[in-house]
Amino acid sequence: MDAAPAAAPTPTDAPPEGSAPPAQAEGSAAQAAPSRYESQKRRDWNTFLQYLRNHKPPLTLARCSGAHVIEFLKYLDQFGKTKVHISGCPYFGHPNPPAPCACPLKQAWGSLDALIGRLRAAFEENGGRPESNPFATRAVRIYLREVRETQAKARGIPYEKKKRKRTTTTISSAVTTATVSTVTSTSSNNPTNGAGVSVPSDVPTATPPNVTTATTSV
């Protein structure tokens, strides 16, 4: 009786039946799990649309202006967690007050600035035109700058870009220049050997040792 034919070997890299190819699986996973930035941007956008619906009178996105965006930012202050001291507070300008006070909590400037960036991108992604973007108006930029300056004074934290310290570089350059000048001056006052290397004048020149040749008579 003839033996049954052996089954054809299955390639080890072939995907199992009913499963999607690796490229499609990766694409599906990327679509199913958006990045943290995209998720936050979607939540911020839905929150703003809900704010427009609850506005009195209700507002549509087409009628939204920079003034309405500023109202939205002020509305968010009630959910803030950053202590902003008023001018009459004894801890005004103190970065780390030693005791609590009755000053209000507001949204930090950095949080508002990042929020406006996400909403500005979401507006255009949802069909809005860049020239009519209410989140990119001059009034919103001025408001954010005022919030930054106010919080910097109230909390004693300057919002300035860190400048590179050039003191170390200047000192190093000065030391290098002085060293080069010293070497140049020493080289000009000292003779040089055959290889062009400076030899100090106070160092005695080595004399070759006397070699005595012995003559052997035959």
N, C-alpha and C. Protein backbone atom coordinates (compact mmCIF):
# COMPACT_ATOMS: atom_id res chain seq x y z
N MET A 1 0.86 -1.19 0.00
CA MET A 1 0.00 0.00 0.00
C MET A 1 0.89 1.23 0.00
N ASP A 2 0.55 2.17 -0.91
CA ASP A 2 1.40 3.37 -1.03
C ASP A 2 1.18 4.26 0.17
N ALA A 3 2.28 4.92 0.58
CA ALA A 3 2.20 5.86 1.71
C ALA A 3 1.52 7.14 1.28
N ALA A 4 0.82 7.78 2.19
CA ALA A 4 0.13 9.05 1.88
C ALA A 4 1.15 10.13 1.64
N PRO A 5 0.89 11.02 0.67
CA PRO A 5 1.84 12.10 0.39
C PRO A 5 1.99 13.03 1.59
N ALA A 6 3.22 13.46 1.81
CA ALA A 6 3.49 14.37 2.94
C ALA A 6 2.89 15.73 2.68
N ALA A 7 2.41 16.35 3.73
CA ALA A 7 1.80 17.69 3.59
C ALA A 7 2.88 18.71 3.29
N ALA A 8 2.51 19.72 2.49
CA ALA A 8 3.47 20.76 2.11
C ALA A 8 3.80 21.60 3.33
N PRO A 9 5.08 21.94 3.50
CA PRO A 9 5.46 22.75 4.68
C PRO A 9 4.86 24.13 4.62
N THR A 10 4.42 24.60 5.76
CA THR A 10 3.84 25.95 5.85
C THR A 10 4.93 26.95 6.17
N PRO A 11 5.04 28.06 5.41
CA PRO A 11 6.07 29.05 5.72
C PRO A 11 5.89 29.58 7.13
N THR A 12 7.02 29.73 7.81
CA THR A 12 6.95 30.18 9.21
C THR A 12 6.50 31.62 9.34
N ASP A 13 6.73 32.42 8.28
CA ASP A 13 6.37 33.83 8.38
C ASP A 13 5.00 34.11 7.81
N ALA A 14 4.26 33.11 7.39
CA ALA A 14 2.94 33.35 6.83
C ALA A 14 1.96 33.59 7.95
N PRO A 15 1.06 34.60 7.81
CA PRO A 15 0.09 34.88 8.87
C PRO A 15 -0.95 33.79 8.92
N PRO A 16 -1.51 33.52 10.08
CA PRO A 16 -2.57 32.51 10.19
C PRO A 16 -3.81 32.93 9.43
N GLU A 17 -4.61 31.93 9.10
CA GLU A 17 -5.82 32.20 8.32
C GLU A 17 -6.76 33.08 9.14
N GLY A 18 -7.37 34.01 8.41
CA GLY A 18 -8.34 34.89 9.05
C GLY A 18 -7.74 36.09 9.72
N SER A 19 -6.41 36.23 9.74
CA SER A 19 -5.78 37.38 10.39
C SER A 19 -5.33 38.37 9.34
N ALA A 20 -5.27 39.64 9.73
CA ALA A 20 -4.88 40.69 8.80
C ALA A 20 -3.38 40.72 8.65
N PRO A 21 -2.88 41.18 7.52
CA PRO A 21 -1.42 41.31 7.35
C PRO A 21 -0.85 42.25 8.39
N PRO A 22 0.47 42.12 8.68
CA PRO A 22 1.07 42.97 9.72
C PRO A 22 0.89 44.44 9.45
N ALA A 23 1.05 44.88 8.18
CA ALA A 23 0.94 46.30 7.89
C ALA A 23 -0.47 46.81 8.20
N GLN A 24 -1.49 46.02 7.80
CA GLN A 24 -2.85 46.44 8.07
C GLN A 24 -3.15 46.40 9.56
N ALA A 25 -2.59 45.42 10.27
CA ALA A 25 -2.82 45.33 11.72
C ALA A 25 -2.24 46.54 12.43
N GLU A 26 -1.03 46.96 12.00
CA GLU A 26 -0.41 48.13 12.62
C GLU A 26 -1.23 49.38 12.33
N GLY A 27 -1.72 49.50 11.08
CA GLY A 27 -2.53 50.67 10.75
C GLY A 27 -3.82 50.71 11.54
N SER A 28 -4.45 49.54 11.75
CA SER A 28 -5.67 49.50 12.53
C SER A 28 -5.41 49.86 13.98
N ALA A 29 -4.28 49.39 14.52
CA ALA A 29 -3.94 49.73 15.90
C ALA A 29 -3.69 51.22 16.07
N ALA A 30 -3.04 51.82 15.05
CA ALA A 30 -2.77 53.26 15.12
C ALA A 30 -4.06 54.06 15.08
N GLN A 31 -5.03 53.61 14.25
CA GLN A 31 -6.29 54.31 14.18
C GLN A 31 -7.12 54.09 15.44
N ALA A 32 -7.03 52.92 16.03
CA ALA A 32 -7.82 52.62 17.21
C ALA A 32 -7.29 53.33 18.46
N ALA A 33 -6.00 53.56 18.52
CA ALA A 33 -5.40 54.19 19.70
C ALA A 33 -4.73 55.49 19.28
N PRO A 34 -5.44 56.63 19.29
CA PRO A 34 -4.81 57.91 18.94
C PRO A 34 -3.81 58.33 20.00
N SER A 35 -2.95 59.23 19.63
CA SER A 35 -1.93 59.71 20.56
C SER A 35 -2.57 60.53 21.68
N ARG A 36 -1.78 60.78 22.70
CA ARG A 36 -2.28 61.56 23.84
C ARG A 36 -2.64 62.97 23.42
N TYR A 37 -1.85 63.54 22.51
CA TYR A 37 -2.13 64.89 22.02
C TYR A 37 -3.45 64.93 21.27
N GLU A 38 -3.67 63.94 20.39
CA GLU A 38 -4.91 63.91 19.61
C GLU A 38 -6.11 63.70 20.52
N SER A 39 -5.97 62.85 21.53
CA SER A 39 -7.09 62.63 22.45
C SER A 39 -7.41 63.90 23.22
N GLN A 40 -6.39 64.58 23.69
CA GLN A 40 -6.61 65.83 24.42
C GLN A 40 -7.21 66.89 23.53
N LYS A 41 -6.75 66.96 22.29
CA LYS A 41 -7.29 67.95 21.36
C LYS A 41 -8.76 67.69 21.09
N ARG A 42 -9.15 66.43 20.97
CA ARG A 42 -10.55 66.09 20.73
C ARG A 42 -11.41 66.46 21.93
N ARG A 43 -10.90 66.20 23.14
CA ARG A 43 -11.67 66.56 24.34
C ARG A 43 -11.82 68.08 24.46
N ASP A 44 -10.74 68.81 24.19
CA ASP A 44 -10.81 70.27 24.26
C ASP A 44 -11.80 70.82 23.24
N TRP A 45 -11.80 70.25 22.06
CA TRP A 45 -12.71 70.72 21.02
C TRP A 45 -14.17 70.47 21.41
N ASN A 46 -14.46 69.29 21.94
CA ASN A 46 -15.82 68.98 22.38
C ASN A 46 -16.25 69.86 23.55
N THR A 47 -15.30 70.18 24.43
CA THR A 47 -15.62 71.07 25.55
C THR A 47 -15.97 72.47 25.05
N PHE A 48 -15.23 72.94 24.07
CA PHE A 48 -15.52 74.28 23.54
C PHE A 48 -16.86 74.30 22.82
N LEU A 49 -17.17 73.26 22.05
CA LEU A 49 -18.47 73.21 21.38
C LEU A 49 -19.61 73.16 22.39
N GLN A 50 -19.41 72.43 23.49
CA GLN A 50 -20.42 72.39 24.53
C GLN A 50 -20.59 73.76 25.18
N TYR A 51 -19.49 74.49 25.33
CA TYR A 51 -19.57 75.84 25.87
C TYR A 51 -20.38 76.75 24.96
N LEU A 52 -20.20 76.62 23.66
CA LEU A 52 -20.98 77.43 22.72
C LEU A 52 -22.47 77.09 22.79
N ARG A 53 -22.79 75.82 22.97
CA ARG A 53 -24.21 75.43 23.05
C ARG A 53 -24.87 75.93 24.32
N ASN A 54 -24.08 75.99 25.41
CA ASN A 54 -24.63 76.46 26.68
C ASN A 54 -24.56 77.96 26.84
N HIS A 55 -23.98 78.64 25.88
CA HIS A 55 -23.85 80.08 25.96
C HIS A 55 -25.22 80.74 25.87
N LYS A 56 -25.36 81.88 26.55
CA LYS A 56 -26.63 82.61 26.52
C LYS A 56 -26.41 83.97 25.87
N PRO A 57 -26.95 84.16 24.66
CA PRO A 57 -27.67 83.19 23.84
C PRO A 57 -26.70 82.17 23.23
N PRO A 58 -27.21 81.03 22.77
CA PRO A 58 -26.32 80.02 22.18
C PRO A 58 -25.58 80.58 20.97
N LEU A 59 -24.34 80.12 20.80
CA LEU A 59 -23.50 80.59 19.71
C LEU A 59 -23.20 79.45 18.76
N THR A 60 -23.04 79.80 17.50
CA THR A 60 -22.58 78.83 16.51
C THR A 60 -21.10 79.07 16.26
N LEU A 61 -20.45 78.07 15.73
CA LEU A 61 -19.01 78.19 15.48
C LEU A 61 -18.73 79.28 14.45
N ALA A 62 -19.64 79.48 13.49
CA ALA A 62 -19.43 80.50 12.46
C ALA A 62 -19.47 81.90 13.04
N ARG A 63 -20.19 82.10 14.14
CA ARG A 63 -20.30 83.43 14.75
C ARG A 63 -19.31 83.63 15.87
N CYS A 64 -18.50 82.63 16.13
CA CYS A 64 -17.53 82.73 17.22
C CYS A 64 -16.40 83.68 16.84
N SER A 65 -15.99 84.53 17.77
CA SER A 65 -14.91 85.49 17.53
C SER A 65 -13.86 85.35 18.62
N GLY A 66 -12.82 86.18 18.50
CA GLY A 66 -11.78 86.15 19.50
C GLY A 66 -12.28 86.54 20.88
N ALA A 67 -13.29 87.43 20.93
CA ALA A 67 -13.85 87.83 22.23
C ALA A 67 -14.53 86.65 22.91
N HIS A 68 -15.19 85.81 22.14
CA HIS A 68 -15.82 84.63 22.73
C HIS A 68 -14.77 83.63 23.22
N VAL A 69 -13.66 83.55 22.52
CA VAL A 69 -12.58 82.67 22.97
C VAL A 69 -12.02 83.15 24.31
N ILE A 70 -11.87 84.46 24.46
CA ILE A 70 -11.38 85.01 25.73
C ILE A 70 -12.38 84.74 26.84
N GLU A 71 -13.68 84.86 26.55
CA GLU A 71 -14.70 84.53 27.55
C GLU A 71 -14.58 83.06 27.97
N PHE A 72 -14.29 82.20 27.02
CA PHE A 72 -14.13 80.78 27.32
C PHE A 72 -12.93 80.54 28.23
N LEU A 73 -11.84 81.24 27.98
CA LEU A 73 -10.65 81.10 28.82
C LEU A 73 -10.91 81.59 30.24
N LYS A 74 -11.66 82.67 30.37
CA LYS A 74 -12.00 83.18 31.70
C LYS A 74 -12.95 82.22 32.41
N TYR A 75 -13.82 81.58 31.65
CA TYR A 75 -14.73 80.59 32.23
C TYR A 75 -13.95 79.42 32.81
N LEU A 76 -12.85 79.05 32.17
CA LEU A 76 -12.05 77.92 32.65
C LEU A 76 -11.28 78.23 33.92
N ASP A 77 -11.16 79.50 34.29
CA ASP A 77 -10.40 79.86 35.49
C ASP A 77 -11.01 79.24 36.75
N GLN A 78 -12.31 79.00 36.74
CA GLN A 78 -12.94 78.43 37.93
C GLN A 78 -12.49 77.00 38.19
N PHE A 79 -11.89 76.37 37.18
CA PHE A 79 -11.38 75.01 37.34
C PHE A 79 -9.86 74.99 37.50
N GLY A 80 -9.25 76.15 37.63
CA GLY A 80 -7.80 76.23 37.71
C GLY A 80 -7.27 75.77 39.06
N LYS A 81 -5.98 75.48 39.09
CA LYS A 81 -5.31 75.00 40.31
C LYS A 81 -4.05 75.80 40.63
N THR A 82 -3.90 76.95 39.97
CA THR A 82 -2.70 77.77 40.17
C THR A 82 -3.05 78.99 41.00
N LYS A 83 -2.37 79.16 42.13
CA LYS A 83 -2.63 80.30 43.00
C LYS A 83 -2.03 81.57 42.38
N VAL A 84 -2.88 82.56 42.18
CA VAL A 84 -2.45 83.84 41.61
C VAL A 84 -2.76 84.91 42.65
N HIS A 85 -1.72 85.46 43.28
CA HIS A 85 -1.91 86.43 44.35
C HIS A 85 -2.34 87.77 43.78
N ILE A 86 -3.25 88.44 44.50
CA ILE A 86 -3.68 89.78 44.11
C ILE A 86 -2.67 90.79 44.67
N SER A 87 -2.78 92.03 44.18
CA SER A 87 -1.76 93.03 44.54
C SER A 87 -1.77 93.36 46.03
N GLY A 88 -2.91 93.22 46.72
CA GLY A 88 -2.98 93.53 48.14
C GLY A 88 -2.57 92.38 49.04
N CYS A 89 -2.24 91.23 48.48
CA CYS A 89 -1.86 90.07 49.29
C CYS A 89 -0.42 90.25 49.80
N PRO A 90 -0.16 89.88 51.06
CA PRO A 90 1.23 90.01 51.57
C PRO A 90 2.20 89.08 50.86
N TYR A 91 1.68 88.07 50.18
CA TYR A 91 2.56 87.14 49.47
C TYR A 91 2.64 87.45 47.97
N PHE A 92 2.21 88.65 47.60
CA PHE A 92 2.25 89.03 46.19
C PHE A 92 3.70 89.03 45.71
N GLY A 93 3.98 88.31 44.64
CA GLY A 93 5.32 88.20 44.10
C GLY A 93 6.18 87.17 44.78
N HIS A 94 5.62 86.44 45.74
CA HIS A 94 6.39 85.42 46.47
C HIS A 94 6.20 84.08 45.76
N PRO A 95 7.26 83.46 45.27
CA PRO A 95 7.09 82.19 44.54
C PRO A 95 6.66 81.05 45.43
N ASN A 96 7.08 81.06 46.73
CA ASN A 96 6.74 79.98 47.66
C ASN A 96 6.24 80.60 48.96
N PRO A 97 4.95 80.96 49.00
CA PRO A 97 4.44 81.60 50.23
C PRO A 97 4.47 80.64 51.41
N PRO A 98 4.81 81.13 52.59
CA PRO A 98 4.93 80.24 53.76
C PRO A 98 3.60 79.81 54.35
N ALA A 99 2.51 80.48 53.98
CA ALA A 99 1.21 80.16 54.56
C ALA A 99 0.13 80.34 53.49
N PRO A 100 -1.02 79.70 53.66
CA PRO A 100 -2.10 79.86 52.67
C PRO A 100 -2.72 81.25 52.74
N CYS A 101 -3.40 81.60 51.67
CA CYS A 101 -4.08 82.89 51.60
C CYS A 101 -5.39 82.70 50.84
N ALA A 102 -6.17 83.78 50.77
CA ALA A 102 -7.49 83.72 50.15
C ALA A 102 -7.48 84.12 48.68
N CYS A 103 -6.33 84.19 48.07
CA CYS A 103 -6.25 84.57 46.65
C CYS A 103 -6.85 83.46 45.78
N PRO A 104 -7.40 83.84 44.62
CA PRO A 104 -8.11 82.85 43.80
C PRO A 104 -7.17 81.90 43.08
N LEU A 105 -7.72 80.77 42.69
CA LEU A 105 -7.03 79.80 41.85
C LEU A 105 -7.46 80.03 40.41
N LYS A 106 -6.49 79.99 39.52
CA LYS A 106 -6.78 80.22 38.10
C LYS A 106 -6.01 79.21 37.26
N GLN A 107 -6.32 79.22 35.98
CA GLN A 107 -5.59 78.39 35.04
C GLN A 107 -4.20 78.99 34.83
N ALA A 108 -3.19 78.15 34.83
CA ALA A 108 -1.83 78.63 34.58
C ALA A 108 -1.69 79.10 33.14
N TRP A 109 -0.81 80.07 32.95
CA TRP A 109 -0.62 80.61 31.60
C TRP A 109 -0.16 79.52 30.63
N GLY A 110 0.72 78.64 31.06
CA GLY A 110 1.20 77.59 30.17
C GLY A 110 0.09 76.67 29.72
N SER A 111 -0.86 76.38 30.61
CA SER A 111 -1.99 75.51 30.24
C SER A 111 -2.89 76.19 29.22
N LEU A 112 -3.14 77.48 29.41
CA LEU A 112 -3.98 78.21 28.46
C LEU A 112 -3.31 78.32 27.10
N ASP A 113 -2.03 78.57 27.11
CA ASP A 113 -1.30 78.69 25.84
C ASP A 113 -1.34 77.38 25.06
N ALA A 114 -1.14 76.26 25.75
CA ALA A 114 -1.20 74.96 25.08
C ALA A 114 -2.62 74.65 24.61
N LEU A 115 -3.62 75.04 25.40
CA LEU A 115 -5.01 74.81 25.02
C LEU A 115 -5.36 75.55 23.73
N ILE A 116 -4.94 76.81 23.64
CA ILE A 116 -5.23 77.60 22.43
C ILE A 116 -4.55 76.98 21.22
N GLY A 117 -3.35 76.45 21.41
CA GLY A 117 -2.68 75.79 20.29
C GLY A 117 -3.45 74.58 19.79
N ARG A 118 -3.99 73.79 20.70
CA ARG A 118 -4.77 72.61 20.28
C ARG A 118 -6.08 73.02 19.62
N LEU A 119 -6.75 74.02 20.18
CA LEU A 119 -8.03 74.46 19.59
C LEU A 119 -7.82 75.12 18.24
N ARG A 120 -6.73 75.83 18.07
CA ARG A 120 -6.44 76.45 16.78
C ARG A 120 -6.25 75.39 15.71
N ALA A 121 -5.57 74.30 16.05
CA ALA A 121 -5.39 73.21 15.09
C ALA A 121 -6.70 72.46 14.85
N ALA A 122 -7.49 72.24 15.90
CA ALA A 122 -8.76 71.52 15.75
C ALA A 122 -9.75 72.30 14.90
N PHE A 123 -9.74 73.62 15.00
CA PHE A 123 -10.65 74.44 14.20
C PHE A 123 -10.42 74.22 12.71
N GLU A 124 -9.17 74.23 12.29
CA GLU A 124 -8.87 74.05 10.87
C GLU A 124 -9.06 72.60 10.44
N GLU A 125 -8.83 71.65 11.34
CA GLU A 125 -9.05 70.25 10.99
C GLU A 125 -10.52 69.93 10.81
N ASN A 126 -11.39 70.73 11.41
CA ASN A 126 -12.82 70.51 11.28
C ASN A 126 -13.46 71.41 10.24
N GLY A 127 -12.69 71.86 9.28
CA GLY A 127 -13.23 72.60 8.14
C GLY A 127 -13.14 74.10 8.24
N GLY A 128 -12.58 74.63 9.32
CA GLY A 128 -12.47 76.08 9.44
C GLY A 128 -11.35 76.64 8.59
N ARG A 129 -11.54 77.86 8.14
CA ARG A 129 -10.52 78.52 7.32
C ARG A 129 -9.50 79.21 8.21
N PRO A 130 -8.22 79.15 7.84
CA PRO A 130 -7.19 79.78 8.69
C PRO A 130 -7.40 81.27 8.88
N GLU A 131 -7.89 81.97 7.85
CA GLU A 131 -8.05 83.42 7.98
C GLU A 131 -9.20 83.80 8.91
N SER A 132 -10.10 82.86 9.20
CA SER A 132 -11.22 83.15 10.10
C SER A 132 -11.11 82.37 11.41
N ASN A 133 -9.92 81.92 11.74
CA ASN A 133 -9.72 81.13 12.95
C ASN A 133 -9.80 82.06 14.17
N PRO A 134 -10.82 81.90 15.04
CA PRO A 134 -10.94 82.80 16.19
C PRO A 134 -9.86 82.59 17.24
N PHE A 135 -9.21 81.43 17.23
CA PHE A 135 -8.17 81.15 18.22
C PHE A 135 -6.83 81.76 17.83
N ALA A 136 -6.73 82.28 16.63
CA ALA A 136 -5.48 82.86 16.16
C ALA A 136 -5.57 84.38 16.03
N THR A 137 -6.57 85.00 16.63
CA THR A 137 -6.74 86.44 16.52
C THR A 137 -5.74 87.18 17.40
N ARG A 138 -5.57 88.43 17.08
CA ARG A 138 -4.63 89.27 17.84
C ARG A 138 -5.12 89.48 19.27
N ALA A 139 -6.44 89.58 19.46
CA ALA A 139 -6.98 89.79 20.79
C ALA A 139 -6.65 88.62 21.72
N VAL A 140 -6.68 87.41 21.20
CA VAL A 140 -6.34 86.24 22.02
C VAL A 140 -4.87 86.25 22.39
N ARG A 141 -4.01 86.63 21.44
CA ARG A 141 -2.58 86.68 21.73
C ARG A 141 -2.27 87.72 22.79
N ILE A 142 -2.95 88.88 22.71
CA ILE A 142 -2.73 89.93 23.71
C ILE A 142 -3.21 89.47 25.08
N TYR A 143 -4.33 88.78 25.11
CA TYR A 143 -4.85 88.29 26.39
C TYR A 143 -3.88 87.29 27.03
N LEU A 144 -3.36 86.39 26.25
CA LEU A 144 -2.40 85.41 26.78
C LEU A 144 -1.13 86.09 27.29
N ARG A 145 -0.68 87.11 26.59
CA ARG A 145 0.50 87.83 27.04
C ARG A 145 0.23 88.55 28.36
N GLU A 146 -0.96 89.13 28.50
CA GLU A 146 -1.30 89.81 29.75
C GLU A 146 -1.40 88.81 30.90
N VAL A 147 -1.96 87.64 30.65
CA VAL A 147 -2.03 86.61 31.69
C VAL A 147 -0.64 86.17 32.11
N ARG A 148 0.25 86.02 31.14
CA ARG A 148 1.61 85.61 31.45
C ARG A 148 2.31 86.65 32.33
N GLU A 149 2.19 87.93 31.97
CA GLU A 149 2.86 88.97 32.73
C GLU A 149 2.25 89.12 34.12
N THR A 150 0.92 89.01 34.21
CA THR A 150 0.25 89.14 35.50
C THR A 150 0.66 88.02 36.45
N GLN A 151 0.66 86.81 35.96
CA GLN A 151 1.04 85.68 36.80
C GLN A 151 2.52 85.72 37.16
N ALA A 152 3.34 86.25 36.27
CA ALA A 152 4.77 86.36 36.58
C ALA A 152 5.01 87.32 37.74
N LYS A 153 4.27 88.41 37.77
CA LYS A 153 4.42 89.38 38.86
C LYS A 153 3.78 88.85 40.15
N ALA A 154 2.62 88.22 40.02
CA ALA A 154 1.90 87.78 41.21
C ALA A 154 2.60 86.62 41.90
N ARG A 155 3.18 85.73 41.14
CA ARG A 155 3.80 84.55 41.72
C ARG A 155 5.31 84.68 41.85
N GLY A 156 5.87 85.78 41.31
CA GLY A 156 7.31 85.97 41.41
C GLY A 156 8.11 85.05 40.52
N ILE A 157 7.49 84.52 39.47
CA ILE A 157 8.18 83.61 38.56
C ILE A 157 8.27 84.28 37.20
N PRO A 158 9.44 84.70 36.77
CA PRO A 158 9.55 85.36 35.46
C PRO A 158 9.44 84.34 34.34
N TYR A 159 8.55 84.60 33.39
CA TYR A 159 8.41 83.74 32.23
C TYR A 159 9.31 84.28 31.12
N GLU A 160 10.58 84.00 31.23
CA GLU A 160 11.56 84.46 30.25
C GLU A 160 12.34 83.27 29.73
N LYS A 161 12.79 83.40 28.51
CA LYS A 161 13.61 82.34 27.93
C LYS A 161 14.97 82.32 28.62
N LYS A 162 15.43 81.14 28.89
CA LYS A 162 16.73 81.00 29.54
C LYS A 162 17.84 81.36 28.56
N LYS A 163 18.70 82.28 28.99
CA LYS A 163 19.81 82.70 28.15
C LYS A 163 21.04 81.87 28.47
N ARG A 164 21.77 81.60 27.45
CA ARG A 164 23.00 80.83 27.66
C ARG A 164 24.03 81.66 28.42
N LYS A 165 24.66 81.02 29.37
CA LYS A 165 25.70 81.71 30.14
C LYS A 165 26.98 81.75 29.32
N ARG A 166 27.41 82.96 29.04
CA ARG A 166 28.62 83.13 28.22
C ARG A 166 29.84 83.47 29.08
N THR A 167 29.67 83.53 30.39
CA THR A 167 30.79 83.90 31.25
C THR A 167 31.91 82.88 31.16
N THR A 168 31.54 81.60 31.21
CA THR A 168 32.55 80.55 31.15
C THR A 168 33.27 80.57 29.82
N THR A 169 32.52 80.79 28.75
CA THR A 169 33.14 80.83 27.43
C THR A 169 34.11 81.99 27.31
N THR A 170 33.72 83.17 27.88
CA THR A 170 34.59 84.34 27.80
C THR A 170 35.88 84.10 28.58
N ILE A 171 35.77 83.53 29.77
CA ILE A 171 36.96 83.27 30.57
C ILE A 171 37.87 82.28 29.87
N SER A 172 37.27 81.24 29.28
CA SER A 172 38.09 80.25 28.59
C SER A 172 38.81 80.87 27.41
N SER A 173 38.11 81.77 26.69
CA SER A 173 38.75 82.43 25.56
C SER A 173 39.89 83.30 26.02
N ALA A 174 39.68 84.01 27.16
CA ALA A 174 40.74 84.88 27.66
C ALA A 174 41.95 84.08 28.09
N VAL A 175 41.71 82.96 28.76
CA VAL A 175 42.83 82.12 29.20
C VAL A 175 43.57 81.56 28.00
N THR A 176 42.82 81.14 26.99
CA THR A 176 43.45 80.60 25.78
C THR A 176 44.29 81.65 25.09
N THR A 177 43.75 82.90 25.02
CA THR A 177 44.49 83.99 24.37
C THR A 177 45.78 84.29 25.12
N ALA A 178 45.67 84.34 26.47
CA ALA A 178 46.87 84.62 27.27
C ALA A 178 47.91 83.53 27.12
N THR A 179 47.46 82.29 27.04
CA THR A 179 48.41 81.18 26.88
C THR A 179 49.11 81.25 25.54
N VAL A 180 48.34 81.55 24.49
CA VAL A 180 48.95 81.66 23.16
C VAL A 180 49.94 82.80 23.12
N SER A 181 49.59 83.95 23.78
CA SER A 181 50.51 85.09 23.78
C SER A 181 51.81 84.74 24.50
N THR A 182 51.71 84.02 25.61
CA THR A 182 52.91 83.64 26.36
C THR A 182 53.80 82.72 25.56
N VAL A 183 53.17 81.74 24.89
CA VAL A 183 53.95 80.81 24.08
C VAL A 183 54.62 81.52 22.93
N THR A 184 53.90 82.49 22.31
CA THR A 184 54.47 83.24 21.19
C THR A 184 55.64 84.07 21.65
N SER A 185 55.49 84.74 22.80
CA SER A 185 56.57 85.56 23.31
C SER A 185 57.79 84.73 23.67
N THR A 186 57.58 83.56 24.27
CA THR A 186 58.71 82.70 24.62
C THR A 186 59.41 82.18 23.38
N SER A 187 58.61 81.88 22.36
CA SER A 187 59.19 81.35 21.14
C SER A 187 60.05 82.38 20.44
N SER A 188 59.65 83.66 20.50
CA SER A 188 60.42 84.69 19.80
C SER A 188 61.75 84.96 20.48
N ASN A 189 61.83 84.72 21.80
CA ASN A 189 63.07 85.01 22.53
C ASN A 189 64.01 83.83 22.62
N ASN A 190 63.59 82.67 22.19
CA ASN A 190 64.41 81.48 22.33
C ASN A 190 64.80 80.95 20.95
N PRO A 191 65.96 80.37 20.85
CA PRO A 191 66.35 79.79 19.56
C PRO A 191 65.55 78.53 19.28
N THR A 192 65.59 78.09 18.10
CA THR A 192 64.88 76.88 17.71
C THR A 192 65.88 75.86 17.24
N ASN A 193 65.48 74.61 17.44
CA ASN A 193 66.36 73.56 16.97
C ASN A 193 66.07 73.26 15.51
N GLY A 194 66.60 72.22 15.00
CA GLY A 194 66.43 71.94 13.59
C GLY A 194 65.03 71.62 13.19
N ALA A 195 64.19 71.14 14.13
CA ALA A 195 62.81 70.80 13.80
C ALA A 195 61.89 71.97 13.95
N GLY A 196 62.39 73.19 14.29
CA GLY A 196 61.56 74.36 14.45
C GLY A 196 60.89 74.44 15.80
N VAL A 197 61.27 73.64 16.79
CA VAL A 197 60.69 73.66 18.13
C VAL A 197 61.51 74.59 18.99
N SER A 198 60.84 75.46 19.74
CA SER A 198 61.54 76.44 20.57
C SER A 198 62.27 75.75 21.70
N VAL A 199 63.50 76.20 21.94
CA VAL A 199 64.32 75.65 23.03
C VAL A 199 64.64 76.79 23.97
N PRO A 200 64.26 76.75 25.24
CA PRO A 200 64.57 77.84 26.18
C PRO A 200 66.06 78.06 26.29
N SER A 201 66.43 79.35 26.49
CA SER A 201 67.86 79.69 26.53
C SER A 201 68.51 79.24 27.83
N ASP A 202 67.75 79.06 28.91
CA ASP A 202 68.36 78.69 30.18
C ASP A 202 68.52 77.20 30.33
N VAL A 203 68.17 76.43 29.34
CA VAL A 203 68.35 74.99 29.41
C VAL A 203 69.61 74.65 28.64
N PRO A 204 70.62 74.07 29.28
CA PRO A 204 71.87 73.77 28.57
C PRO A 204 71.64 72.74 27.48
N THR A 205 72.34 72.99 26.37
CA THR A 205 72.22 72.08 25.25
C THR A 205 73.02 70.82 25.54
N ALA A 206 72.41 69.72 25.30
CA ALA A 206 73.09 68.45 25.59
C ALA A 206 74.24 68.26 24.62
N THR A 207 75.42 67.89 25.19
CA THR A 207 76.60 67.64 24.35
C THR A 207 76.74 66.16 24.14
N PRO A 208 77.16 65.79 22.96
CA PRO A 208 77.27 64.36 22.68
C PRO A 208 78.39 63.76 23.52
N PRO A 209 78.26 62.57 24.01
CA PRO A 209 79.31 61.94 24.85
C PRO A 209 80.55 61.63 24.02
N ASN A 210 81.71 61.70 24.73
CA ASN A 210 82.98 61.38 24.05
C ASN A 210 83.04 59.87 23.82
N VAL A 211 83.33 59.55 22.60
CA VAL A 211 83.41 58.14 22.22
C VAL A 211 84.87 57.82 21.91
N THR A 212 85.46 56.91 22.64
CA THR A 212 86.86 56.54 22.43
C THR A 212 86.94 55.28 21.59
N THR A 213 87.66 55.40 20.51
CA THR A 213 87.78 54.26 19.61
C THR A 213 89.06 53.50 19.94
N ALA A 214 88.89 52.30 20.29
CA ALA A 214 90.08 51.47 20.64
C ALA A 214 90.63 50.83 19.39
N THR A 215 91.97 50.96 19.27
CA THR A 215 92.63 50.36 18.09
C THR A 215 93.39 49.12 18.53
N THR A 216 93.08 48.07 17.90
CA THR A 216 93.69 46.79 18.25
C THR A 216 94.75 46.45 17.21
N SER A 217 95.92 46.26 17.71
CA SER A 217 97.01 45.91 16.78
C SER A 217 97.05 44.42 16.56
N VAL A 218 97.27 44.06 15.34
CA VAL A 218 97.31 42.65 14.98
C VAL A 218 98.75 42.19 14.97
